[in-house]
Amino acid sequence: MSSALTTTVTELPESRVRVQVQVPAGELERSVEGKARELGRTLKLPGFRRGKVPAPLVIQRVGREAVLEEAVRDTLSSWYVDALGSSGIVPVGDPDVDLGELPARGASLEFSFEIGVLPKATLGEYKGLEVGRAEPQVSDEQIQRELDGLRERLARLETVEHPAAEGEFVVIDYTGTLPGEDGAPEPFAGGEGRDQLVELGSGNLIDGFEAGLVGAAAGQDRTLRLTFPPDYTPGELARREVTFEVAVKEVKRKLLPDVDDDLAIDTGFDTLDDLREDIRARLSEVEEQRVEEEFRAAALDVAVEHAQVQVPPALIEARAREMWERVLHALSQRGLTREAYLQLTGRSEQEILAENAPSAERGLRREAVLTAVVAAEGIAPEEEELLEAVRPAAERAQEPPAQVLERLRDAGRLDEIREDLAARKAIELIATAAVPIPLEQAHAREQLWTPEKERTDRAREEQVTEAQEHTREQAQDVGGLWTPDR
């Protein structure tokens, strides 16, 4: 993170700020020289070997204004991130950047951006709150499901002589072909397999493949003419017609072990009762963790109910879009495009953004209250807590935690960890101070009508509705927005 930048923050209405940024002349010139050296690696000048042209000659030949423009374009996102860090704001949504005129030599660069920020919360009561808490329970049905899963894992396959039925297995060889340009069948990468075990009805293969093998007996051949689905990976096969020649070599059925003492012995227990008790204990531990997590979230939500937080509709819309962009990023890691996902779900982008609005509004309120609690309580993670937080990453990298922490500090990313730890400690404070009450009692209180509750609920519904309507009516062109690298 550059410490040379200076920033001035001006608060605007509707939880927005304007940040004025000044990049000193020296910092700017270093960026220009760096860009000139980069350009010099491909520039040809008489008397110089490729990649050895000095930066001043590059600037002279290309023109300082052109080099400056490219340097600013390449470094602007980094300066933006630095400005966020030095100004201490928590951004929501994308910035509206105003670059203005590029400076002359020796002058500093100035730019500004407007962006939504986390709204401020006026805290109400957040200690000693009465919060509904469930009682951890493990049912006999849950234990039976675990036993069923154990039986599945210990099942064995037995060869049978009858035609394959749904739920049974076949061992097959197959060869797939695609229609070529001249119409002749052509093989494709990954389209051939030998001794493949396929469970009929599992849904693991493309639509029609498993169904096409139902009724086939060992020694029979089947020809399957199918179509790859729109979201198939690799993408070049998506929606293409394909023919599979399949040879069925064996038909097998699954044999599940009985639920008895022998099953317990196979899993390391003396009796079936011992196995059941172990399953109950493990499920109880998981259930207690789930109840605790739900209680902590409920305690935070009660604290939010007692606080006053004004969340403008534009901020809700911006956060809903952030949520959607995170989904798109995750989908891209799986090779699924925005268009393919929308087609598969049968929804438009505007509908998804509108559906995200309530969650976006709730998340903003929670974050605002936690930020206010952190400030009110003076919560600041200790060095030991920071070291503990990076310990898993340090173990994966086989480095000392202190070294990982120092690297994060140098990269300007330590504030993210501090803020996350502080928020967790704030939740812990609220939950620890809360008074558990039965869920039925908490639900009954939620149904009680008060004038203040009606006014609050109506105001929140109006904010979310306005954000949803604005999203539906004015679809934003994401591709046209300037998005800094974060």
Protein backbone atom coordinates (compact mmCIF):
# COMPACT_ATOMS: atom_id res chain seq x y z
CA MET A 1 0.00 0.00 0.00
CA SER A 2 1.31 3.39 -0.95
CA SER A 3 1.55 5.85 1.96
CA ALA A 4 2.20 8.78 -0.37
CA LEU A 5 -1.45 9.39 -1.27
CA THR A 6 -3.47 12.03 0.53
CA THR A 7 -7.24 11.71 0.73
CA THR A 8 -10.07 13.99 1.77
CA VAL A 9 -13.49 12.46 2.50
CA THR A 10 -16.70 14.46 2.12
CA GLU A 11 -19.93 12.92 3.36
CA LEU A 12 -22.86 13.05 0.96
CA PRO A 13 -26.54 12.22 1.47
CA GLU A 14 -27.87 8.67 1.19
CA SER A 15 -24.83 6.97 2.78
CA ARG A 16 -22.44 8.09 0.06
CA VAL A 17 -19.08 9.84 0.23
CA ARG A 18 -16.82 11.69 -2.15
CA VAL A 19 -13.12 10.92 -1.77
CA GLN A 20 -10.66 13.41 -3.22
CA VAL A 21 -7.30 11.76 -3.90
CA GLN A 22 -3.96 13.42 -4.57
CA VAL A 23 -1.08 11.39 -5.98
CA PRO A 24 2.22 13.25 -5.40
CA ALA A 25 4.34 14.14 -8.42
CA GLY A 26 7.12 11.76 -7.34
CA GLU A 27 4.72 8.81 -7.09
CA LEU A 28 3.25 9.69 -10.46
CA GLU A 29 6.67 9.97 -12.13
CA ARG A 30 7.67 6.55 -10.78
CA SER A 31 4.58 5.10 -12.45
CA VAL A 32 5.42 6.88 -15.71
CA GLU A 33 9.01 5.61 -15.64
CA GLY A 34 7.83 2.09 -14.86
CA LYS A 35 5.44 2.16 -17.80
CA ALA A 36 8.20 3.56 -20.04
CA ARG A 37 10.52 0.69 -19.07
CA GLU A 38 7.74 -1.76 -19.83
CA LEU A 39 7.16 -0.20 -23.25
CA GLY A 40 10.91 -0.18 -23.84
CA ARG A 41 10.99 -3.96 -23.72
CA THR A 42 9.17 -4.12 -27.06
CA LEU A 43 10.35 -0.85 -28.66
CA LYS A 44 12.95 -0.96 -31.44
CA LEU A 45 15.42 1.94 -31.70
CA PRO A 46 18.61 2.09 -33.74
CA GLY A 47 21.67 1.48 -31.58
CA PHE A 48 19.79 -0.34 -28.82
CA ARG A 49 19.11 -4.00 -28.33
CA ARG A 50 15.50 -5.07 -27.91
CA GLY A 51 14.40 -4.45 -24.32
CA LYS A 52 17.35 -2.16 -23.56
CA VAL A 53 15.87 1.20 -24.59
CA PRO A 54 16.19 3.65 -21.63
CA ALA A 55 12.97 5.03 -20.17
CA PRO A 56 13.75 8.69 -21.08
CA LEU A 57 14.19 7.73 -24.75
CA VAL A 58 10.93 5.79 -24.69
CA ILE A 59 9.12 8.84 -23.30
CA GLN A 60 10.79 11.03 -25.94
CA ARG A 61 9.87 8.71 -28.79
CA VAL A 62 6.33 7.75 -27.69
CA GLY A 63 5.44 11.05 -26.08
CA ARG A 64 5.08 11.75 -22.38
CA GLU A 65 1.33 12.27 -22.60
CA ALA A 66 0.77 8.81 -24.13
CA VAL A 67 3.02 7.11 -21.55
CA LEU A 68 1.34 9.08 -18.74
CA GLU A 69 -2.12 8.05 -19.93
CA GLU A 70 -1.20 4.37 -19.97
CA ALA A 71 0.56 4.62 -16.60
CA VAL A 72 -2.48 6.21 -14.99
CA ARG A 73 -4.84 3.69 -16.55
CA ASP A 74 -2.72 0.78 -15.25
CA THR A 75 -2.19 2.17 -11.75
CA LEU A 76 -5.55 3.82 -11.08
CA SER A 77 -7.10 0.70 -9.57
CA SER A 78 -4.15 0.35 -7.17
CA TRP A 79 -4.43 4.00 -6.14
CA TYR A 80 -8.14 3.51 -5.61
CA VAL A 81 -7.54 0.59 -3.24
CA ASP A 82 -4.88 2.60 -1.39
CA ALA A 83 -7.29 5.51 -1.09
CA LEU A 84 -9.95 3.23 0.41
CA GLY A 85 -7.45 2.02 2.98
CA SER A 86 -6.16 5.45 3.97
CA SER A 87 -9.63 7.00 4.14
CA GLY A 88 -10.97 4.21 6.36
CA ILE A 89 -14.31 3.86 4.61
CA VAL A 90 -16.22 0.59 4.06
CA PRO A 91 -17.35 0.72 0.41
CA VAL A 92 -20.63 -0.66 -0.87
CA GLY A 93 -21.04 -1.04 -4.63
CA ASP A 94 -18.93 0.31 -7.47
CA PRO A 95 -17.29 3.76 -7.51
CA ASP A 96 -18.12 6.62 -9.84
CA VAL A 97 -14.62 7.84 -10.75
CA ASP A 98 -13.81 11.35 -12.00
CA LEU A 99 -10.23 11.49 -13.29
CA GLY A 100 -10.19 14.96 -14.76
CA GLU A 101 -7.22 16.42 -16.66
CA LEU A 102 -3.86 14.67 -16.62
CA PRO A 103 -1.21 16.86 -14.95
CA ALA A 104 1.85 18.48 -16.45
CA ARG A 105 5.35 17.30 -15.55
CA GLY A 106 6.16 17.97 -11.92
CA ALA A 107 2.51 18.35 -10.87
CA SER A 108 0.52 15.95 -8.74
CA LEU A 109 -2.38 13.89 -10.08
CA GLU A 110 -5.81 14.47 -8.61
CA PHE A 111 -8.88 12.32 -9.02
CA SER A 112 -12.04 11.73 -7.03
CA PHE A 113 -14.66 9.06 -6.70
CA GLU A 114 -18.08 8.80 -5.18
CA ILE A 115 -19.21 5.55 -3.64
CA GLY A 116 -21.78 4.12 -1.26
CA VAL A 117 -20.55 3.36 2.26
CA LEU A 118 -21.77 1.28 5.14
CA PRO A 119 -24.57 3.20 6.87
CA LYS A 120 -24.11 4.43 10.44
CA ALA A 121 -26.09 2.79 13.21
CA THR A 122 -27.45 4.44 16.32
CA LEU A 123 -27.26 1.69 18.88
CA GLY A 124 -30.07 0.73 21.19
CA GLU A 125 -29.80 -2.05 23.74
CA TYR A 126 -27.38 -4.76 22.71
CA LYS A 127 -26.54 -6.38 26.05
CA GLY A 128 -28.85 -8.51 28.13
CA LEU A 129 -31.25 -9.08 25.22
CA GLU A 130 -33.78 -11.89 25.51
CA VAL A 131 -33.24 -14.15 22.50
CA GLY A 132 -35.00 -17.33 21.43
CA ARG A 133 -32.87 -20.45 21.62
CA ALA A 134 -33.77 -23.93 20.42
CA GLU A 135 -33.03 -27.08 22.38
CA PRO A 136 -30.59 -29.45 20.64
CA GLN A 137 -32.43 -32.62 19.68
CA VAL A 138 -31.42 -35.77 17.82
CA SER A 139 -34.30 -37.85 16.50
CA ASP A 140 -34.41 -41.57 15.84
CA GLU A 141 -34.96 -40.73 12.17
CA GLN A 142 -31.61 -38.87 12.06
CA ILE A 143 -29.84 -41.87 13.57
CA GLN A 144 -31.51 -44.16 11.05
CA ARG A 145 -30.37 -41.94 8.18
CA GLU A 146 -26.80 -42.22 9.46
CA LEU A 147 -27.14 -45.99 9.66
CA ASP A 148 -28.52 -46.07 6.13
CA GLY A 149 -25.54 -44.06 4.94
CA LEU A 150 -23.19 -46.43 6.71
CA ARG A 151 -24.86 -49.39 5.03
CA GLU A 152 -24.42 -47.70 1.66
CA ARG A 153 -20.71 -47.21 2.30
CA LEU A 154 -20.29 -50.85 3.33
CA ALA A 155 -22.41 -52.24 0.51
CA ARG A 156 -20.94 -54.68 -2.00
CA LEU A 157 -21.85 -55.35 -5.61
CA GLU A 158 -22.96 -58.80 -6.83
CA THR A 159 -23.09 -59.84 -10.48
CA VAL A 160 -26.57 -60.88 -11.66
CA GLU A 161 -27.84 -62.55 -14.82
CA HIS A 162 -31.05 -60.56 -15.39
CA PRO A 163 -31.43 -57.33 -17.47
CA ALA A 164 -30.40 -54.15 -15.66
CA ALA A 165 -33.07 -52.27 -13.74
CA GLU A 166 -33.01 -48.73 -12.39
CA GLY A 167 -30.95 -48.62 -9.20
CA GLU A 168 -28.65 -51.38 -10.41
CA PHE A 169 -25.19 -51.08 -11.93
CA VAL A 170 -23.69 -51.92 -15.31
CA VAL A 171 -20.07 -52.32 -16.35
CA ILE A 172 -19.68 -50.90 -19.85
CA ASP A 173 -17.30 -49.98 -22.63
CA TYR A 174 -18.40 -46.98 -24.67
CA THR A 175 -17.28 -44.88 -27.61
CA GLY A 176 -18.79 -41.48 -28.42
CA THR A 177 -18.78 -39.68 -31.76
CA LEU A 178 -19.88 -36.26 -32.98
CA PRO A 179 -21.14 -35.50 -36.48
CA GLY A 180 -18.28 -34.06 -38.53
CA GLU A 181 -18.43 -31.32 -41.15
CA ASP A 182 -19.19 -33.89 -43.85
CA GLY A 183 -21.71 -35.66 -41.60
CA ALA A 184 -19.39 -38.59 -40.88
CA PRO A 185 -18.99 -39.54 -37.18
CA GLU A 186 -15.83 -38.25 -35.51
CA PRO A 187 -14.42 -39.26 -32.10
CA PHE A 188 -13.76 -36.56 -29.49
CA ALA A 189 -11.50 -36.18 -26.47
CA GLY A 190 -12.87 -37.92 -23.42
CA GLY A 191 -15.53 -39.71 -25.45
CA GLU A 192 -14.24 -43.23 -24.84
CA GLY A 193 -14.20 -45.42 -21.73
CA ARG A 194 -13.43 -48.99 -20.74
CA ASP A 195 -14.83 -51.01 -17.81
CA GLN A 196 -16.82 -48.05 -16.53
CA LEU A 197 -19.19 -48.70 -13.62
CA VAL A 198 -22.48 -46.81 -14.07
CA GLU A 199 -25.34 -46.64 -11.57
CA LEU A 200 -28.64 -46.47 -13.45
CA GLY A 201 -30.86 -43.69 -12.17
CA SER A 202 -28.11 -41.82 -10.32
CA GLY A 203 -28.25 -38.81 -12.64
CA ASN A 204 -24.46 -38.61 -12.80
CA LEU A 205 -24.30 -38.81 -16.60
CA ILE A 206 -25.90 -36.68 -19.30
CA ASP A 207 -29.64 -36.92 -19.68
CA GLY A 208 -30.71 -40.12 -21.44
CA PHE A 209 -27.48 -42.10 -21.01
CA GLU A 210 -28.50 -44.08 -17.93
CA ALA A 211 -32.13 -44.43 -19.03
CA GLY A 212 -30.92 -45.82 -22.35
CA LEU A 213 -29.24 -48.72 -20.57
CA VAL A 214 -32.22 -49.81 -18.46
CA GLY A 215 -33.26 -53.29 -19.59
CA ALA A 216 -29.89 -54.13 -21.15
CA ALA A 217 -28.32 -57.48 -20.30
CA ALA A 218 -24.69 -58.54 -20.20
CA GLY A 219 -23.34 -59.09 -23.72
CA GLN A 220 -25.79 -56.65 -25.34
CA ASP A 221 -24.90 -53.48 -27.26
CA ARG A 222 -26.85 -50.23 -27.20
CA THR A 223 -26.70 -47.15 -29.44
CA LEU A 224 -27.58 -43.92 -27.60
CA ARG A 225 -28.28 -40.73 -29.54
CA LEU A 226 -28.21 -37.87 -27.08
CA THR A 227 -27.54 -34.12 -26.73
CA PHE A 228 -25.07 -32.51 -24.34
CA PRO A 229 -26.76 -30.04 -21.94
CA PRO A 230 -26.24 -26.25 -22.28
CA ASP A 231 -23.99 -26.07 -19.17
CA TYR A 232 -21.79 -29.03 -20.12
CA THR A 233 -18.05 -28.74 -19.56
CA PRO A 234 -15.99 -28.49 -21.76
CA GLY A 235 -18.11 -25.79 -23.33
CA GLU A 236 -17.36 -26.78 -26.93
CA LEU A 237 -19.54 -29.86 -26.42
CA ALA A 238 -22.51 -27.97 -24.94
CA ARG A 239 -25.77 -28.47 -26.89
CA ARG A 240 -24.07 -30.74 -29.44
CA GLU A 241 -25.61 -33.99 -30.61
CA VAL A 242 -23.61 -37.10 -29.74
CA THR A 243 -23.87 -40.83 -30.43
CA PHE A 244 -22.56 -43.41 -27.96
CA GLU A 245 -21.94 -47.03 -28.89
CA VAL A 246 -22.18 -48.93 -25.59
CA ALA A 247 -21.24 -52.55 -24.86
CA VAL A 248 -22.75 -53.91 -21.63
CA LYS A 249 -20.29 -56.33 -20.03
CA GLU A 250 -21.87 -57.01 -16.62
CA VAL A 251 -24.99 -56.21 -14.61
CA LYS A 252 -24.58 -55.83 -10.84
CA ARG A 253 -26.87 -55.18 -7.91
CA LYS A 254 -26.06 -53.61 -4.58
CA LEU A 255 -26.20 -55.76 -1.45
CA LEU A 256 -26.65 -53.78 1.77
CA PRO A 257 -25.54 -55.24 5.13
CA ASP A 258 -28.23 -55.85 7.76
CA VAL A 259 -28.58 -53.47 10.69
CA ASP A 260 -27.30 -55.76 13.42
CA ASP A 261 -24.32 -56.41 15.68
CA ASP A 262 -22.27 -57.59 12.69
CA LEU A 263 -22.62 -54.12 11.16
CA ALA A 264 -21.40 -52.60 14.42
CA ILE A 265 -18.43 -54.99 14.59
CA ASP A 266 -17.47 -54.10 10.99
CA THR A 267 -17.27 -50.44 12.05
CA GLY A 268 -15.28 -51.00 15.25
CA PHE A 269 -18.02 -51.35 17.89
CA ASP A 270 -19.03 -54.31 20.04
CA THR A 271 -22.80 -54.03 19.65
CA LEU A 272 -25.41 -52.21 17.59
CA ASP A 273 -26.42 -50.24 20.69
CA ASP A 274 -22.84 -48.98 21.04
CA LEU A 275 -22.89 -47.89 17.40
CA ARG A 276 -26.22 -46.07 17.85
CA GLU A 277 -24.92 -44.25 20.93
CA ASP A 278 -21.81 -43.13 19.08
CA ILE A 279 -23.93 -41.82 16.21
CA ARG A 280 -26.21 -40.01 18.68
CA ALA A 281 -23.21 -38.39 20.42
CA ARG A 282 -21.72 -37.18 17.13
CA LEU A 283 -25.06 -35.84 15.89
CA SER A 284 -25.65 -34.12 19.25
CA GLU A 285 -22.33 -32.29 18.93
CA VAL A 286 -23.22 -31.10 15.42
CA GLU A 287 -26.72 -30.11 16.58
CA GLU A 288 -25.35 -28.11 19.51
CA GLN A 289 -23.04 -26.22 17.15
CA ARG A 290 -25.97 -25.48 14.82
CA VAL A 291 -28.13 -24.23 17.69
CA GLU A 292 -25.29 -22.04 18.96
CA GLU A 293 -24.73 -20.50 15.51
CA GLU A 294 -28.46 -19.82 15.13
CA PHE A 295 -28.57 -18.26 18.61
CA ARG A 296 -25.65 -15.95 17.82
CA ALA A 297 -27.29 -14.84 14.57
CA ALA A 298 -30.62 -14.33 16.36
CA ALA A 299 -28.93 -12.28 19.11
CA LEU A 300 -27.38 -10.03 16.48
CA ASP A 301 -30.74 -9.62 14.75
CA VAL A 302 -32.38 -8.60 18.02
CA ALA A 303 -29.63 -6.01 18.53
CA VAL A 304 -30.32 -4.78 15.00
CA GLU A 305 -34.02 -4.48 15.85
CA HIS A 306 -33.14 -2.23 18.79
CA ALA A 307 -30.85 -0.03 16.69
CA GLN A 308 -31.68 2.70 14.21
CA VAL A 309 -30.11 2.24 10.77
CA GLN A 310 -31.15 4.16 7.68
CA VAL A 311 -30.40 2.07 4.58
CA PRO A 312 -31.09 3.94 1.32
CA PRO A 313 -32.61 1.86 -1.50
CA ALA A 314 -29.63 2.63 -3.76
CA LEU A 315 -27.34 1.04 -1.16
CA ILE A 316 -29.52 -2.08 -1.00
CA GLU A 317 -29.40 -2.31 -4.78
CA ALA A 318 -25.60 -1.94 -4.78
CA ARG A 319 -25.16 -4.68 -2.20
CA ALA A 320 -27.60 -6.96 -4.08
CA ARG A 321 -25.44 -6.51 -7.17
CA GLU A 322 -22.29 -7.31 -5.18
CA MET A 323 -23.93 -10.56 -4.07
CA TRP A 324 -24.82 -11.40 -7.67
CA GLU A 325 -21.28 -10.66 -8.87
CA ARG A 326 -19.89 -13.04 -6.23
CA VAL A 327 -22.23 -15.75 -7.51
CA LEU A 328 -21.06 -15.10 -11.08
CA HIS A 329 -17.43 -15.37 -9.98
CA ALA A 330 -18.12 -18.72 -8.30
CA LEU A 331 -19.97 -19.95 -11.38
CA SER A 332 -17.09 -18.94 -13.64
CA GLN A 333 -14.75 -21.11 -11.55
CA ARG A 334 -16.99 -24.05 -12.52
CA GLY A 335 -17.02 -23.06 -16.19
CA LEU A 336 -20.61 -21.78 -16.14
CA THR A 337 -21.35 -18.46 -17.85
CA ARG A 338 -23.84 -15.81 -16.79
CA GLU A 339 -26.02 -16.55 -19.82
CA ALA A 340 -26.03 -20.31 -19.23
CA TYR A 341 -26.97 -19.87 -15.55
CA LEU A 342 -29.83 -17.51 -16.36
CA GLN A 343 -31.12 -19.94 -18.97
CA LEU A 344 -30.91 -22.88 -16.57
CA THR A 345 -32.74 -21.05 -13.75
CA GLY A 346 -35.30 -19.43 -16.06
CA ARG A 347 -34.80 -16.04 -14.41
CA SER A 348 -33.54 -12.69 -15.56
CA GLU A 349 -30.68 -10.82 -13.92
CA GLN A 350 -33.10 -8.14 -12.71
CA GLU A 351 -35.27 -10.79 -11.03
CA ILE A 352 -32.23 -12.22 -9.23
CA LEU A 353 -31.16 -8.75 -8.05
CA ALA A 354 -34.68 -8.08 -6.77
CA GLU A 355 -34.69 -11.41 -4.92
CA ASN A 356 -31.33 -10.50 -3.34
CA ALA A 357 -32.64 -7.20 -1.98
CA PRO A 358 -34.01 -8.46 1.39
CA SER A 359 -30.78 -10.34 2.17
CA ALA A 360 -28.74 -7.34 1.08
CA GLU A 361 -30.70 -5.04 3.37
CA ARG A 362 -30.38 -7.42 6.31
CA GLY A 363 -26.64 -7.79 5.77
CA LEU A 364 -26.08 -4.03 5.67
CA ARG A 365 -27.99 -3.54 8.91
CA ARG A 366 -26.03 -6.27 10.63
CA GLU A 367 -22.68 -4.88 9.49
CA ALA A 368 -23.64 -1.35 10.53
CA VAL A 369 -24.61 -2.49 14.03
CA LEU A 370 -21.47 -4.59 14.45
CA THR A 371 -19.31 -1.65 13.35
CA ALA A 372 -21.04 0.56 15.91
CA VAL A 373 -20.60 -2.04 18.69
CA VAL A 374 -16.90 -2.39 17.85
CA ALA A 375 -16.51 1.39 18.18
CA ALA A 376 -18.63 1.64 21.34
CA GLU A 377 -16.74 -1.15 23.11
CA GLY A 378 -13.31 -0.22 21.77
CA ILE A 379 -12.83 -3.72 20.42
CA ALA A 380 -9.37 -4.23 18.93
CA PRO A 381 -7.88 -7.68 18.29
CA GLU A 382 -4.59 -8.41 20.08
CA GLU A 383 -1.47 -9.52 18.23
CA GLU A 384 -1.92 -13.07 19.53
CA GLU A 385 -5.44 -13.18 18.08
CA LEU A 386 -4.13 -12.04 14.71
CA LEU A 387 -1.45 -14.73 14.80
CA GLU A 388 -4.07 -17.35 15.65
CA ALA A 389 -6.27 -16.14 12.78
CA VAL A 390 -3.52 -16.65 10.19
CA ARG A 391 -2.27 -19.93 11.70
CA PRO A 392 -4.25 -22.18 9.27
CA ALA A 393 -2.86 -20.27 6.28
CA ALA A 394 0.63 -20.42 7.79
CA GLU A 395 0.37 -24.19 8.24
CA ARG A 396 -0.71 -24.62 4.62
CA ALA A 397 2.20 -22.46 3.46
CA GLN A 398 4.55 -24.15 5.95
CA GLU A 399 5.61 -20.75 7.29
CA PRO A 400 5.64 -19.24 10.78
CA PRO A 401 2.41 -17.31 11.54
CA ALA A 402 4.44 -14.17 12.31
CA GLN A 403 5.93 -14.27 8.81
CA VAL A 404 2.50 -14.61 7.18
CA LEU A 405 1.19 -11.77 9.35
CA GLU A 406 4.07 -9.52 8.33
CA ARG A 407 3.50 -10.28 4.66
CA LEU A 408 -0.19 -9.36 5.02
CA ARG A 409 0.81 -6.18 6.83
CA ASP A 410 3.18 -5.20 4.01
CA ALA A 411 0.45 -5.89 1.45
CA GLY A 412 -2.02 -3.67 3.30
CA ARG A 413 -4.40 -6.56 3.97
CA LEU A 414 -4.09 -6.73 7.73
CA ASP A 415 -7.00 -4.33 8.26
CA GLU A 416 -9.34 -6.87 6.66
CA ILE A 417 -8.36 -9.48 9.24
CA ARG A 418 -8.61 -6.98 12.08
CA GLU A 419 -12.11 -5.92 11.01
CA ASP A 420 -13.26 -9.52 10.66
CA LEU A 421 -11.91 -10.48 14.08
CA ALA A 422 -13.41 -7.36 15.65
CA ALA A 423 -16.82 -8.18 14.16
CA ARG A 424 -16.61 -11.75 15.47
CA LYS A 425 -15.75 -10.47 18.93
CA ALA A 426 -18.68 -8.06 18.77
CA ILE A 427 -21.05 -10.92 17.92
CA GLU A 428 -19.54 -12.94 20.77
CA LEU A 429 -20.12 -10.04 23.16
CA ILE A 430 -23.78 -9.67 22.12
CA ALA A 431 -24.46 -13.42 22.25
CA THR A 432 -22.67 -13.99 25.57
CA ALA A 433 -24.64 -11.18 27.21
CA ALA A 434 -27.96 -12.36 25.75
CA VAL A 435 -30.54 -14.16 27.89
CA PRO A 436 -31.85 -17.35 26.20
CA ILE A 437 -35.64 -17.84 26.18
CA PRO A 438 -37.73 -20.62 24.59
CA LEU A 439 -38.28 -20.24 20.85
CA GLU A 440 -42.04 -20.34 21.33
CA GLN A 441 -41.87 -17.33 23.65
CA ALA A 442 -39.63 -15.43 21.21
CA HIS A 443 -41.96 -16.17 18.28
CA ALA A 444 -44.98 -15.03 20.31
CA ARG A 445 -43.27 -11.71 21.03
CA GLU A 446 -42.52 -11.22 17.35
CA GLN A 447 -46.23 -11.44 16.61
CA LEU A 448 -47.16 -8.74 19.12
CA TRP A 449 -48.28 -5.50 17.48
CA THR A 450 -46.91 -2.14 18.58
CA PRO A 451 -47.17 1.20 16.75
CA GLU A 452 -43.39 1.55 16.69
CA LYS A 453 -42.95 -1.97 15.27
CA GLU A 454 -45.50 -1.24 12.55
CA ARG A 455 -43.76 2.00 11.59
CA THR A 456 -40.35 0.30 11.51
CA ASP A 457 -41.58 -2.67 9.47
CA ARG A 458 -43.39 -0.40 7.01
CA ALA A 459 -40.30 1.78 6.52
CA ARG A 460 -38.09 -1.25 5.85
CA GLU A 461 -40.59 -2.76 3.44
CA GLU A 462 -40.71 0.53 1.54
CA GLN A 463 -36.91 0.68 1.32
CA VAL A 464 -36.61 -2.89 0.04
CA THR A 465 -39.54 -2.48 -2.36
CA GLU A 466 -38.07 0.72 -3.78
CA ALA A 467 -34.73 -1.03 -4.31
CA GLN A 468 -36.45 -3.99 -5.99
CA GLU A 469 -38.50 -1.76 -8.30
CA HIS A 470 -35.47 0.33 -9.22
CA THR A 471 -33.53 -2.83 -10.03
CA ARG A 472 -36.29 -4.15 -12.26
CA GLU A 473 -36.79 -0.86 -14.09
CA GLN A 474 -33.18 0.19 -14.58
CA ALA A 475 -30.96 -2.77 -15.39
CA GLN A 476 -27.38 -1.64 -15.12
CA ASP A 477 -24.78 -2.57 -17.73
CA VAL A 478 -22.13 -4.24 -15.60
CA GLY A 479 -19.71 -4.49 -18.49
CA GLY A 480 -19.68 -0.70 -18.87
CA LEU A 481 -18.79 0.05 -15.26
CA TRP A 482 -15.26 0.68 -14.16
CA THR A 483 -14.45 -1.93 -11.53
CA PRO A 484 -11.12 -1.66 -9.69
CA ASP A 485 -9.09 -4.77 -8.97
CA ARG A 486 -9.64 -5.72 -5.35
